Amino acid sequence: TPSNNNENNKELSKQALILKLQEVNTQNGVLKRNFKNLQDEYKELHHYYEDQHEKWKDQLRDKQSEFDSLQQKHEAFSNDVDSMSRKYLEELNTRKQLEQEL
């Protein structure tokens, strides 16, 4: 009968809708788990890169300190060389003067 067919169609539509909702809920659960996993991975990577960044900054500070120390040593050495050169020239001039006086 047409009334009976109409009821059957409504019941089938309702069951199809329920199945579709269950499928959507399942997909939603999967997407939520995937999203949570991605968030966790992001946090892990973020912490890793923050740590790495700090290590690089520390290494850079160490290298800057090393460079500053070497630069000071170089300046001190250059000053010593300049001082020795002046003394040598003074001694050379003194020697020339003595030679001329003799």
PDB file of N, CA and C in Angstrom:
ATOM      1  N   THR A   1       0.828  -1.187   0.000  1.00  0.00           N
ATOM      2  CA  THR A   1       0.000   0.000   0.000  1.00  0.00           C
ATOM      3  C   THR A   1       0.871   1.250   0.000  1.00  0.00           C
ATOM      4  N   PRO A   2       0.350   2.323  -0.585  1.00  0.00           N
ATOM      5  CA  PRO A   2       1.141   3.552  -0.679  1.00  0.00           C
ATOM      6  C   PRO A   2       1.499   4.128   0.687  1.00  0.00           C
ATOM      7  N   SER A   3       0.617   4.046   1.631  1.00  0.00           N
ATOM      8  CA  SER A   3       0.879   4.584   2.964  1.00  0.00           C
ATOM      9  C   SER A   3       1.989   3.788   3.646  1.00  0.00           C
ATOM     10  N   ASN A   4       1.946   2.501   3.429  1.00  0.00           N
ATOM     11  CA  ASN A   4       2.954   1.620   4.003  1.00  0.00           C
ATOM     12  C   ASN A   4       4.323   1.873   3.355  1.00  0.00           C
ATOM     13  N   ASN A   5       4.330   2.078   2.037  1.00  0.00           N
ATOM     14  CA  ASN A   5       5.578   2.380   1.318  1.00  0.00           C
ATOM     15  C   ASN A   5       6.163   3.703   1.796  1.00  0.00           C
ATOM     16  N   ASN A   6       5.292   4.663   2.012  1.00  0.00           N
ATOM     17  CA  ASN A   6       5.729   5.981   2.476  1.00  0.00           C
ATOM     18  C   ASN A   6       6.377   5.859   3.857  1.00  0.00           C
ATOM     19  N   GLU A   7       5.797   5.065   4.732  1.00  0.00           N
ATOM     20  CA  GLU A   7       6.363   4.835   6.067  1.00  0.00           C
ATOM     21  C   GLU A   7       7.708   4.125   5.961  1.00  0.00           C
ATOM     22  N   ASN A   8       7.782   3.152   5.067  1.00  0.00           N
ATOM     23  CA  ASN A   8       9.039   2.415   4.867  1.00  0.00           C
ATOM     24  C   ASN A   8      10.131   3.340   4.340  1.00  0.00           C
ATOM     25  N   ASN A   9       9.760   4.216   3.416  1.00  0.00           N
ATOM     26  CA  ASN A   9      10.723   5.173   2.863  1.00  0.00           C
ATOM     27  C   ASN A   9      11.225   6.132   3.947  1.00  0.00           C
ATOM     28  N   LYS A  10      10.289   6.580   4.814  1.00  0.00           N
ATOM     29  CA  LYS A  10      10.679   7.480   5.903  1.00  0.00           C
ATOM     30  C   LYS A  10      11.635   6.770   6.855  1.00  0.00           C
ATOM     31  N   GLU A  11      11.339   5.498   7.152  1.00  0.00           N
ATOM     32  CA  GLU A  11      12.182   4.716   8.049  1.00  0.00           C
ATOM     33  C   GLU A  11      13.561   4.498   7.433  1.00  0.00           C
ATOM     34  N   LEU A  12      13.602   4.207   6.138  1.00  0.00           N
ATOM     35  CA  LEU A  12      14.884   4.027   5.449  1.00  0.00           C
ATOM     36  C   LEU A  12      15.674   5.332   5.429  1.00  0.00           C
ATOM     37  N   SER A  13      14.980   6.438   5.207  1.00  0.00           N
ATOM     38  CA  SER A  13      15.653   7.747   5.207  1.00  0.00           C
ATOM     39  C   SER A  13      16.204   8.059   6.596  1.00  0.00           C
ATOM     40  N   LYS A  14      15.429   7.711   7.600  1.00  0.00           N
ATOM     41  CA  LYS A  14      15.867   7.951   8.980  1.00  0.00           C
ATOM     42  C   LYS A  14      17.094   7.099   9.293  1.00  0.00           C
ATOM     43  N   GLN A  15      17.063   5.837   8.875  1.00  0.00           N
ATOM     44  CA  GLN A  15      18.197   4.946   9.113  1.00  0.00           C
ATOM     45  C   GLN A  15      19.438   5.419   8.331  1.00  0.00           C
ATOM     46  N   ALA A  16      19.216   5.878   7.114  1.00  0.00           N
ATOM     47  CA  ALA A  16      20.327   6.389   6.301  1.00  0.00           C
ATOM     48  C   ALA A  16      20.920   7.635   6.965  1.00  0.00           C
ATOM     49  N   LEU A  17      20.061   8.476   7.497  1.00  0.00           N
ATOM     50  CA  LEU A  17      20.515   9.692   8.171  1.00  0.00           C
ATOM     51  C   LEU A  17      21.300   9.330   9.435  1.00  0.00           C
ATOM     52  N   ILE A  18      20.798   8.339  10.175  1.00  0.00           N
ATOM     53  CA  ILE A  18      21.502   7.891  11.389  1.00  0.00           C
ATOM     54  C   ILE A  18      22.872   7.336  11.020  1.00  0.00           C
ATOM     55  N   LEU A  19      22.944   6.529   9.962  1.00  0.00           N
ATOM     56  CA  LEU A  19      24.228   5.976   9.515  1.00  0.00           C
ATOM     57  C   LEU A  19      25.185   7.094   9.081  1.00  0.00           C
ATOM     58  N   LYS A  20      24.635   8.063   8.378  1.00  0.00           N
ATOM     59  CA  LYS A  20      25.455   9.190   7.917  1.00  0.00           C
ATOM     60  C   LYS A  20      25.983   9.970   9.125  1.00  0.00           C
ATOM     61  N   LEU A  21      25.127  10.194  10.133  1.00  0.00           N
ATOM     62  CA  LEU A  21      25.549  10.909  11.338  1.00  0.00           C
ATOM     63  C   LEU A  21      26.630  10.122  12.085  1.00  0.00           C
ATOM     64  N   GLN A  22      26.477   8.811  12.147  1.00  0.00           N
ATOM     65  CA  GLN A  22      27.485   7.975  12.795  1.00  0.00           C
ATOM     66  C   GLN A  22      28.811   8.061  12.041  1.00  0.00           C
ATOM     67  N   GLU A  23      28.720   8.057  10.733  1.00  0.00           N
ATOM     68  CA  GLU A  23      29.927   8.182   9.905  1.00  0.00           C
ATOM     69  C   GLU A  23      30.599   9.530  10.127  1.00  0.00           C
ATOM     70  N   VAL A  24      29.784  10.585  10.156  1.00  0.00           N
ATOM     71  CA  VAL A  24      30.317  11.936  10.383  1.00  0.00           C
ATOM     72  C   VAL A  24      30.940  12.018  11.779  1.00  0.00           C
ATOM     73  N   ASN A  25      30.286  11.428  12.786  1.00  0.00           N
ATOM     74  CA  ASN A  25      30.848  11.425  14.138  1.00  0.00           C
ATOM     75  C   ASN A  25      32.172  10.673  14.195  1.00  0.00           C
ATOM     76  N   THR A  26      32.247   9.565  13.486  1.00  0.00           N
ATOM     77  CA  THR A  26      33.490   8.797  13.431  1.00  0.00           C
ATOM     78  C   THR A  26      34.589   9.624  12.775  1.00  0.00           C
ATOM     79  N   GLN A  27      34.262  10.249  11.646  1.00  0.00           N
ATOM     80  CA  GLN A  27      35.244  11.094  10.950  1.00  0.00           C
ATOM     81  C   GLN A  27      35.665  12.268  11.841  1.00  0.00           C
ATOM     82  N   ASN A  28      34.695  12.827  12.554  1.00  0.00           N
ATOM     83  CA  ASN A  28      34.998  13.944  13.460  1.00  0.00           C
ATOM     84  C   ASN A  28      35.967  13.492  14.551  1.00  0.00           C
ATOM     85  N   GLY A  29      35.732  12.299  15.089  1.00  0.00           N
ATOM     86  CA  GLY A  29      36.639  11.764  16.105  1.00  0.00           C
ATOM     87  C   GLY A  29      38.045  11.576  15.557  1.00  0.00           C
ATOM     88  N   VAL A  30      38.134  11.043  14.352  1.00  0.00           N
ATOM     89  CA  VAL A  30      39.439  10.849  13.711  1.00  0.00           C
ATOM     90  C   VAL A  30      40.121  12.198  13.495  1.00  0.00           C
ATOM     91  N   LEU A  31      39.354  13.162  13.008  1.00  0.00           N
ATOM     92  CA  LEU A  31      39.931  14.495  12.761  1.00  0.00           C
ATOM     93  C   LEU A  31      40.384  15.142  14.066  1.00  0.00           C
ATOM     94  N   LYS A  32      39.614  14.970  15.131  1.00  0.00           N
ATOM     95  CA  LYS A  32      40.009  15.535  16.428  1.00  0.00           C
ATOM     96  C   LYS A  32      41.302  14.890  16.928  1.00  0.00           C
ATOM     97  N   ARG A  33      41.418  13.562  16.782  1.00  0.00           N
ATOM     98  CA  ARG A  33      42.651  12.877  17.203  1.00  0.00           C
ATOM     99  C   ARG A  33      43.837  13.342  16.353  1.00  0.00           C
ATOM    100  N   ASN A  34      43.615  13.454  15.047  1.00  0.00           N
ATOM    101  CA  ASN A  34      44.686  13.932  14.158  1.00  0.00           C
ATOM    102  C   ASN A  34      45.112  15.348  14.526  1.00  0.00           C
ATOM    103  N   PHE A  35      44.126  16.198  14.813  1.00  0.00           N
ATOM    104  CA  PHE A  35      44.417  17.576  15.196  1.00  0.00           C
ATOM    105  C   PHE A  35      45.208  17.605  16.502  1.00  0.00           C
ATOM    106  N   LYS A  36      44.794  16.799  17.463  1.00  0.00           N
ATOM    107  CA  LYS A  36      45.493  16.728  18.759  1.00  0.00           C
ATOM    108  C   LYS A  36      46.923  16.241  18.546  1.00  0.00           C
ATOM    109  N   ASN A  37      47.093  15.235  17.701  1.00  0.00           N
ATOM    110  CA  ASN A  37      48.442  14.731  17.404  1.00  0.00           C
ATOM    111  C   ASN A  37      49.300  15.807  16.755  1.00  0.00           C
ATOM    112  N   LEU A  38      48.708  16.549  15.821  1.00  0.00           N
ATOM    113  CA  LEU A  38      49.454  17.633  15.170  1.00  0.00           C
ATOM    114  C   LEU A  38      49.817  18.730  16.169  1.00  0.00           C
ATOM    115  N   GLN A  39      48.898  19.047  17.074  1.00  0.00           N
ATOM    116  CA  GLN A  39      49.201  20.041  18.100  1.00  0.00           C
ATOM    117  C   GLN A  39      50.371  19.576  18.966  1.00  0.00           C
ATOM    118  N   ASP A  40      50.339  18.316  19.369  1.00  0.00           N
ATOM    119  CA  ASP A  40      51.413  17.770  20.191  1.00  0.00           C
ATOM    120  C   ASP A  40      52.745  17.803  19.447  1.00  0.00           C
ATOM    121  N   GLU A  41      52.730  17.423  18.177  1.00  0.00           N
ATOM    122  CA  GLU A  41      53.949  17.465  17.371  1.00  0.00           C
ATOM    123  C   GLU A  41      54.462  18.899  17.241  1.00  0.00           C
ATOM    124  N   TYR A  42      53.531  19.840  17.025  1.00  0.00           N
ATOM    125  CA  TYR A  42      53.921  21.242  16.909  1.00  0.00           C
ATOM    126  C   TYR A  42      54.587  21.714  18.197  1.00  0.00           C
ATOM    127  N   LYS A  43      53.964  21.392  19.337  1.00  0.00           N
ATOM    128  CA  LYS A  43      54.536  21.813  20.627  1.00  0.00           C
ATOM    129  C   LYS A  43      55.924  21.211  20.819  1.00  0.00           C
ATOM    130  N   GLU A  44      56.072  19.950  20.469  1.00  0.00           N
ATOM    131  CA  GLU A  44      57.360  19.275  20.595  1.00  0.00           C
ATOM    132  C   GLU A  44      58.411  19.945  19.711  1.00  0.00           C
ATOM    133  N   LEU A  45      58.046  20.212  18.453  1.00  0.00           N
ATOM    134  CA  LEU A  45      58.973  20.886  17.541  1.00  0.00           C
ATOM    135  C   LEU A  45      59.295  22.299  18.006  1.00  0.00           C
ATOM    136  N   HIS A  46      58.281  22.982  18.497  1.00  0.00           N
ATOM    137  CA  HIS A  46      58.464  24.346  18.976  1.00  0.00           C
ATOM    138  C   HIS A  46      59.472  24.363  20.131  1.00  0.00           C
ATOM    139  N   HIS A  47      59.304  23.445  21.074  1.00  0.00           N
ATOM    140  CA  HIS A  47      60.242  23.372  22.198  1.00  0.00           C
ATOM    141  C   HIS A  47      61.645  22.998  21.718  1.00  0.00           C
ATOM    142  N   TYR A  48      61.722  22.074  20.770  1.00  0.00           N
ATOM    143  CA  TYR A  48      63.024  21.677  20.222  1.00  0.00           C
ATOM    144  C   TYR A  48      63.721  22.891  19.596  1.00  0.00           C
ATOM    145  N   TYR A  49      62.994  23.640  18.780  1.00  0.00           N
ATOM    146  CA  TYR A  49      63.603  24.790  18.110  1.00  0.00           C
ATOM    147  C   TYR A  49      63.921  25.913  19.086  1.00  0.00           C
ATOM    148  N   GLU A  50      63.102  26.072  20.128  1.00  0.00           N
ATOM    149  CA  GLU A  50      63.444  27.066  21.150  1.00  0.00           C
ATOM    150  C   GLU A  50      64.744  26.673  21.847  1.00  0.00           C
ATOM    151  N   ASP A  51      64.860  25.389  22.205  1.00  0.00           N
ATOM    152  CA  ASP A  51      66.090  24.910  22.841  1.00  0.00           C
ATOM    153  C   ASP A  51      67.282  25.094  21.912  1.00  0.00           C
ATOM    154  N   GLN A  52      67.105  24.726  20.644  1.00  0.00           N
ATOM    155  CA  GLN A  52      68.189  24.862  19.670  1.00  0.00           C
ATOM    156  C   GLN A  52      68.587  26.324  19.511  1.00  0.00           C
ATOM    157  N   HIS A  53      67.596  27.188  19.473  1.00  0.00           N
ATOM    158  CA  HIS A  53      67.856  28.627  19.339  1.00  0.00           C
ATOM    159  C   HIS A  53      68.687  29.120  20.535  1.00  0.00           C
ATOM    160  N   GLU A  54      68.327  28.687  21.738  1.00  0.00           N
ATOM    161  CA  GLU A  54      69.078  29.085  22.925  1.00  0.00           C
ATOM    162  C   GLU A  54      70.508  28.552  22.865  1.00  0.00           C
ATOM    163  N   LYS A  55      70.674  27.320  22.398  1.00  0.00           N
ATOM    164  CA  LYS A  55      72.020  26.754  22.273  1.00  0.00           C
ATOM    165  C   LYS A  55      72.850  27.576  21.294  1.00  0.00           C
ATOM    166  N   TRP A  56      72.236  27.955  20.176  1.00  0.00           N
ATOM    167  CA  TRP A  56      72.945  28.765  19.181  1.00  0.00           C
ATOM    168  C   TRP A  56      73.314  30.129  19.750  1.00  0.00           C
ATOM    169  N   LYS A  57      72.397  30.728  20.498  1.00  0.00           N
ATOM    170  CA  LYS A  57      72.687  32.019  21.116  1.00  0.00           C
ATOM    171  C   LYS A  57      73.836  31.893  22.107  1.00  0.00           C
ATOM    172  N   ASP A  58      73.831  30.805  22.901  1.00  0.00           N
ATOM    173  CA  ASP A  58      74.927  30.574  23.844  1.00  0.00           C
ATOM    174  C   ASP A  58      76.244  30.394  23.102  1.00  0.00           C
ATOM    175  N   GLN A  59      76.227  29.605  22.026  1.00  0.00           N
ATOM    176  CA  GLN A  59      77.442  29.397  21.236  1.00  0.00           C
ATOM    177  C   GLN A  59      77.924  30.712  20.635  1.00  0.00           C
ATOM    178  N   LEU A  60      76.984  31.510  20.175  1.00  0.00           N
ATOM    179  CA  LEU A  60      77.351  32.803  19.596  1.00  0.00           C
ATOM    180  C   LEU A  60      77.976  33.711  20.653  1.00  0.00           C
ATOM    181  N   ARG A  61      77.401  33.723  21.858  1.00  0.00           N
ATOM    182  CA  ARG A  61      77.985  34.524  22.946  1.00  0.00           C
ATOM    183  C   ARG A  61      79.393  34.019  23.287  1.00  0.00           C
ATOM    184  N   ASP A  62      79.551  32.688  23.327  1.00  0.00           N
ATOM    185  CA  ASP A  62      80.874  32.122  23.611  1.00  0.00           C
ATOM    186  C   ASP A  62      81.876  32.532  22.537  1.00  0.00           C
ATOM    187  N   LYS A  63      81.459  32.442  21.277  1.00  0.00           N
ATOM    188  CA  LYS A  63      82.360  32.809  20.174  1.00  0.00           C
ATOM    189  C   LYS A  63      82.666  34.304  20.214  1.00  0.00           C
ATOM    190  N   GLN A  64      81.675  35.113  20.597  1.00  0.00           N
ATOM    191  CA  GLN A  64      81.914  36.559  20.699  1.00  0.00           C
ATOM    192  C   GLN A  64      82.929  36.844  21.796  1.00  0.00           C
ATOM    193  N   SER A  65      82.792  36.140  22.925  1.00  0.00           N
ATOM    194  CA  SER A  65      83.759  36.310  24.017  1.00  0.00           C
ATOM    195  C   SER A  65      85.145  35.871  23.573  1.00  0.00           C
ATOM    196  N   GLU A  66      85.207  34.755  22.882  1.00  0.00           N
ATOM    197  CA  GLU A  66      86.485  34.255  22.366  1.00  0.00           C
ATOM    198  C   GLU A  66      87.098  35.258  21.395  1.00  0.00           C
ATOM    199  N   PHE A  67      86.264  35.797  20.507  1.00  0.00           N
ATOM    200  CA  PHE A  67      86.735  36.794  19.546  1.00  0.00           C
ATOM    201  C   PHE A  67      87.245  38.037  20.266  1.00  0.00           C
ATOM    202  N   ASP A  68      86.485  38.515  21.258  1.00  0.00           N
ATOM    203  CA  ASP A  68      86.903  39.708  22.005  1.00  0.00           C
ATOM    204  C   ASP A  68      88.248  39.472  22.694  1.00  0.00           C
ATOM    205  N   SER A  69      88.398  38.282  23.273  1.00  0.00           N
ATOM    206  CA  SER A  69      89.661  37.947  23.945  1.00  0.00           C
ATOM    207  C   SER A  69      90.822  37.933  22.951  1.00  0.00           C
ATOM    208  N   LEU A  70      90.609  37.301  21.809  1.00  0.00           N
ATOM    209  CA  LEU A  70      91.658  37.263  20.781  1.00  0.00           C
ATOM    210  C   LEU A  70      91.981  38.657  20.259  1.00  0.00           C
ATOM    211  N   GLN A  71      90.942  39.462  20.123  1.00  0.00           N
ATOM    212  CA  GLN A  71      91.158  40.829  19.639  1.00  0.00           C
ATOM    213  C   GLN A  71      91.996  41.624  20.653  1.00  0.00           C
ATOM    214  N   GLN A  72      91.708  41.442  21.933  1.00  0.00           N
ATOM    215  CA  GLN A  72      92.505  42.135  22.966  1.00  0.00           C
ATOM    216  C   GLN A  72      93.951  41.648  22.951  1.00  0.00           C
ATOM    217  N   LYS A  73      94.133  40.327  22.795  1.00  0.00           N
ATOM    218  CA  LYS A  73      95.491  39.786  22.722  1.00  0.00           C
ATOM    219  C   LYS A  73      96.225  40.338  21.502  1.00  0.00           C
ATOM    220  N   HIS A  74      95.513  40.431  20.389  1.00  0.00           N
ATOM    221  CA  HIS A  74      96.116  40.968  19.168  1.00  0.00           C
ATOM    222  C   HIS A  74      96.527  42.427  19.375  1.00  0.00           C
ATOM    223  N   GLU A  75      95.643  43.205  19.995  1.00  0.00           N
ATOM    224  CA  GLU A  75      95.968  44.615  20.243  1.00  0.00           C
ATOM    225  C   GLU A  75      97.169  44.745  21.180  1.00  0.00           C
ATOM    226  N   ALA A  76      97.186  43.882  22.215  1.00  0.00           N
ATOM    227  CA  ALA A  76      98.326  43.921  23.142  1.00  0.00           C
ATOM    228  C   ALA A  76      99.615  43.544  22.410  1.00  0.00           C
ATOM    229  N   PHE A  77      99.541  42.513  21.587  1.00  0.00           N
ATOM    230  CA  PHE A  77     100.718  42.088  20.810  1.00  0.00           C
ATOM    231  C   PHE A  77     101.168  43.209  19.869  1.00  0.00           C
ATOM    232  N   SER A  78     100.191  43.830  19.202  1.00  0.00           N
ATOM    233  CA  SER A  78     100.529  44.930  18.280  1.00  0.00           C
ATOM    234  C   SER A  78     101.183  46.078  19.035  1.00  0.00           C
ATOM    235  N   ASN A  79     100.660  46.370  20.217  1.00  0.00           N
ATOM    236  CA  ASN A  79     101.265  47.433  21.029  1.00  0.00           C
ATOM    237  C   ASN A  79     102.684  47.062  21.442  1.00  0.00           C
ATOM    238  N   ASP A  80     102.887  45.787  21.800  1.00  0.00           N
ATOM    239  CA  ASP A  80     104.232  45.325  22.155  1.00  0.00           C
ATOM    240  C   ASP A  80     105.180  45.452  20.964  1.00  0.00           C
ATOM    241  N   VAL A  81     104.722  45.061  19.795  1.00  0.00           N
ATOM    242  CA  VAL A  81     105.548  45.161  18.583  1.00  0.00           C
ATOM    243  C   VAL A  81     105.876  46.623  18.289  1.00  0.00           C
ATOM    244  N   ASP A  82     104.878  47.494  18.426  1.00  0.00           N
ATOM    245  CA  ASP A  82     105.125  48.926  18.198  1.00  0.00           C
ATOM    246  C   ASP A  82     106.140  49.464  19.205  1.00  0.00           C
ATOM    247  N   SER A  83     105.970  49.061  20.445  1.00  0.00           N
ATOM    248  CA  SER A  83     106.885  49.516  21.489  1.00  0.00           C
ATOM    249  C   SER A  83     108.309  49.023  21.227  1.00  0.00           C
ATOM    250  N   MET A  84     108.434  47.757  20.864  1.00  0.00           N
ATOM    251  CA  MET A  84     109.759  47.207  20.555  1.00  0.00           C
ATOM    252  C   MET A  84     110.369  47.901  19.342  1.00  0.00           C
ATOM    253  N   SER A  85     109.530  48.202  18.352  1.00  0.00           N
ATOM    254  CA  SER A  85     110.033  48.885  17.153  1.00  0.00           C
ATOM    255  C   SER A  85     110.563  50.266  17.510  1.00  0.00           C
ATOM    256  N   ARG A  86     109.830  50.979  18.350  1.00  0.00           N
ATOM    257  CA  ARG A  86     110.289  52.312  18.767  1.00  0.00           C
ATOM    258  C   ARG A  86     111.608  52.218  19.537  1.00  0.00           C
ATOM    259  N   LYS A  87     111.702  51.251  20.455  1.00  0.00           N
ATOM    260  CA  LYS A  87     112.938  51.082  21.222  1.00  0.00           C
ATOM    261  C   LYS A  87     114.102  50.735  20.298  1.00  0.00           C
ATOM    262  N   TYR A  88     113.824  49.858  19.348  1.00  0.00           N
ATOM    263  CA  TYR A  88     114.872  49.476  18.392  1.00  0.00           C
ATOM    264  C   TYR A  88     115.340  50.699  17.610  1.00  0.00           C
ATOM    265  N   LEU A  89     114.388  51.505  17.126  1.00  0.00           N
ATOM    266  CA  LEU A  89     114.762  52.703  16.366  1.00  0.00           C
ATOM    267  C   LEU A  89     115.524  53.692  17.238  1.00  0.00           C
ATOM    268  N   GLU A  90     115.105  53.824  18.495  1.00  0.00           N
ATOM    269  CA  GLU A  90     115.823  54.719  19.411  1.00  0.00           C
ATOM    270  C   GLU A  90     117.257  54.231  19.621  1.00  0.00           C
ATOM    271  N   GLU A  91     117.402  52.918  19.831  1.00  0.00           N
ATOM    272  CA  GLU A  91     118.734  52.359  20.009  1.00  0.00           C
ATOM    273  C   GLU A  91     119.569  52.527  18.741  1.00  0.00           C
ATOM    274  N   LEU A  92     118.929  52.334  17.596  1.00  0.00           N
ATOM    275  CA  LEU A  92     119.633  52.496  16.329  1.00  0.00           C
ATOM    276  C   LEU A  92     120.080  53.941  16.156  1.00  0.00           C
ATOM    277  N   ASN A  93     119.208  54.883  16.475  1.00  0.00           N
ATOM    278  CA  ASN A  93     119.575  56.306  16.384  1.00  0.00           C
ATOM    279  C   ASN A  93     120.690  56.643  17.361  1.00  0.00           C
ATOM    280  N   THR A  94     120.598  56.089  18.562  1.00  0.00           N
ATOM    281  CA  THR A  94     121.647  56.331  19.556  1.00  0.00           C
ATOM    282  C   THR A  94     122.978  55.775  19.057  1.00  0.00           C
ATOM    283  N   ARG A  95     122.951  54.599  18.486  1.00  0.00           N
ATOM    284  CA  ARG A  95     124.171  53.970  17.938  1.00  0.00           C
ATOM    285  C   ARG A  95     124.753  54.833  16.819  1.00  0.00           C
ATOM    286  N   LYS A  96     123.894  55.329  15.932  1.00  0.00           N
ATOM    287  CA  LYS A  96     124.373  56.174  14.822  1.00  0.00           C
ATOM    288  C   LYS A  96     125.009  57.451  15.372  1.00  0.00           C
ATOM    289  N   GLN A  97     124.376  58.023  16.385  1.00  0.00           N
ATOM    290  CA  GLN A  97     124.923  59.243  16.969  1.00  0.00           C
ATOM    291  C   GLN A  97     126.289  58.970  17.600  1.00  0.00           C
ATOM    292  N   LEU A  98     126.365  57.839  18.300  1.00  0.00           N
ATOM    293  CA  LEU A  98     127.647  57.491  18.911  1.00  0.00           C
ATOM    294  C   LEU A  98     128.730  57.260  17.865  1.00  0.00           C
ATOM    295  N   GLU A  99     128.327  56.591  16.777  1.00  0.00           N
ATOM    296  CA  GLU A  99     129.281  56.325  15.686  1.00  0.00           C
ATOM    297  C   GLU A  99     129.736  57.643  15.063  1.00  0.00           C
ATOM    298  N   GLN A 100     128.813  58.586  14.939  1.00  0.00           N
ATOM    299  CA  GLN A 100     129.191  59.872  14.339  1.00  0.00           C
ATOM    300  C   GLN A 100     130.108  60.659  15.268  1.00  0.00           C
ATOM    301  N   GLU A 101     129.870  60.509  16.552  1.00  0.00           N
ATOM    302  CA  GLU A 101     130.715  61.236  17.502  1.00  0.00           C
ATOM    303  C   GLU A 101     132.116  60.663  17.545  1.00  0.00           C
ATOM    304  N   LEU A 102     132.221  59.376  17.259  1.00  0.00           N
ATOM    305  CA  LEU A 102     133.561  58.755  17.246  1.00  0.00           C
ATOM    306  C   LEU A 102     134.223  59.072  15.961  1.00  0.00           C
TER     307      LEU A 102
END
